[in-house]
Amino acid sequence: MALLITDECINCDVCEPECPNDAIYPGEEIYEINPDLCTECVGHFETPQCVEVCPVDCIPLNPDRPETKDELMLKYQRLTAND
């Protein structure tokens, strides 16, 4: 699944630079995650880096975007194919 940032976000700015896929961006009120770019850090790290650094625990799995680890790996491969 892609991750999402809930309205508990305090806009601390620590998650955005940690995302290897540039999926996190400032939204109108809080940071947001582009689910088309989020791989939960599969292919990059063992755990989602945004979750690791978030001080308020506001980045759960997105229930609207169910994806298996294999699907996340395929997304990672598509996103990094031109690197």
Protein backbone atom coordinates (compact mmCIF):
# COMPACT_ATOMS: atom_id res chain seq x y z
CA MET A 1 0.00 0.00 0.00
CA ALA A 2 1.03 3.54 -0.41
CA LEU A 3 1.25 5.58 2.74
CA LEU A 4 -0.75 8.68 3.60
CA ILE A 5 -0.28 11.57 5.97
CA THR A 6 -3.17 12.26 8.34
CA ASP A 7 -4.39 15.60 9.65
CA GLU A 8 -2.35 14.99 12.80
CA CYS A 9 0.65 16.21 10.77
CA ILE A 10 2.41 19.14 12.44
CA ASN A 11 4.27 20.26 9.29
CA CYS A 12 7.65 19.67 10.91
CA ASP A 13 9.33 19.25 7.49
CA VAL A 14 11.29 16.11 8.40
CA CYS A 15 9.51 13.60 6.16
CA GLU A 16 9.80 15.30 2.78
CA PRO A 17 13.60 15.13 2.39
CA GLU A 18 13.64 11.49 3.56
CA CYS A 19 11.47 10.21 0.69
CA PRO A 20 13.67 8.58 -1.98
CA ASN A 21 10.85 8.78 -4.54
CA ASP A 22 9.96 12.45 -4.00
CA ALA A 23 6.42 11.32 -3.21
CA ILE A 24 5.97 13.73 -0.27
CA TYR A 25 5.10 17.35 -0.94
CA PRO A 26 3.59 20.30 0.94
CA GLY A 27 -0.17 20.32 0.54
CA GLU A 28 -2.51 23.21 1.27
CA GLU A 29 -2.61 22.47 5.00
CA ILE A 30 -0.32 19.51 5.67
CA TYR A 31 2.22 17.42 3.83
CA GLU A 32 0.76 14.92 1.39
CA ILE A 33 1.96 11.75 -0.32
CA ASN A 34 1.50 11.03 -4.02
CA PRO A 35 0.38 7.37 -3.96
CA ASP A 36 1.61 6.86 -7.52
CA LEU A 37 5.17 7.56 -6.32
CA CYS A 38 5.07 5.96 -2.87
CA THR A 39 6.61 2.49 -2.62
CA GLU A 40 6.82 2.44 1.20
CA CYS A 41 10.57 2.67 0.47
CA VAL A 42 10.51 -0.85 -1.01
CA GLY A 43 13.61 -1.12 -3.17
CA HIS A 44 15.38 1.60 -1.21
CA PHE A 45 15.14 0.73 2.49
CA GLU A 46 13.77 -1.96 4.81
CA THR A 47 11.25 0.43 6.39
CA PRO A 48 9.46 3.58 5.22
CA GLN A 49 11.80 6.44 6.04
CA CYS A 50 9.04 9.01 6.53
CA VAL A 51 7.48 6.80 9.21
CA GLU A 52 10.88 6.40 10.88
CA VAL A 53 11.41 10.16 11.26
CA CYS A 54 7.83 11.30 11.94
CA PRO A 55 7.61 12.63 15.50
CA VAL A 56 3.81 12.35 15.75
CA ASP A 57 3.13 8.97 14.10
CA CYS A 58 0.75 10.34 11.48
CA ILE A 59 1.76 8.25 8.44
CA PRO A 60 -0.30 5.04 8.23
CA LEU A 61 -0.95 2.77 5.28
CA ASN A 62 -3.45 4.17 2.80
CA PRO A 63 -6.47 1.81 2.90
CA ASP A 64 -7.60 3.14 -0.49
CA ARG A 65 -4.37 1.94 -2.16
CA PRO A 66 -3.82 -1.74 -1.29
CA GLU A 67 -0.56 -3.00 -2.82
CA THR A 68 1.52 -6.09 -2.10
CA LYS A 69 5.28 -5.96 -1.57
CA ASP A 70 5.66 -7.42 -5.08
CA GLU A 71 3.49 -4.66 -6.55
CA LEU A 72 5.50 -2.05 -4.63
CA MET A 73 8.72 -3.55 -6.02
CA LEU A 74 7.34 -3.34 -9.56
CA LYS A 75 6.41 0.29 -8.94
CA TYR A 76 9.94 0.94 -7.62
CA GLN A 77 11.41 -0.67 -10.75
CA ARG A 78 9.21 1.48 -13.01
CA LEU A 79 10.11 4.65 -11.09
CA THR A 80 13.85 3.95 -11.20
CA ALA A 81 14.07 2.53 -14.73
CA ASN A 82 15.56 5.73 -16.14
CA ASP A 83 18.05 6.28 -13.32
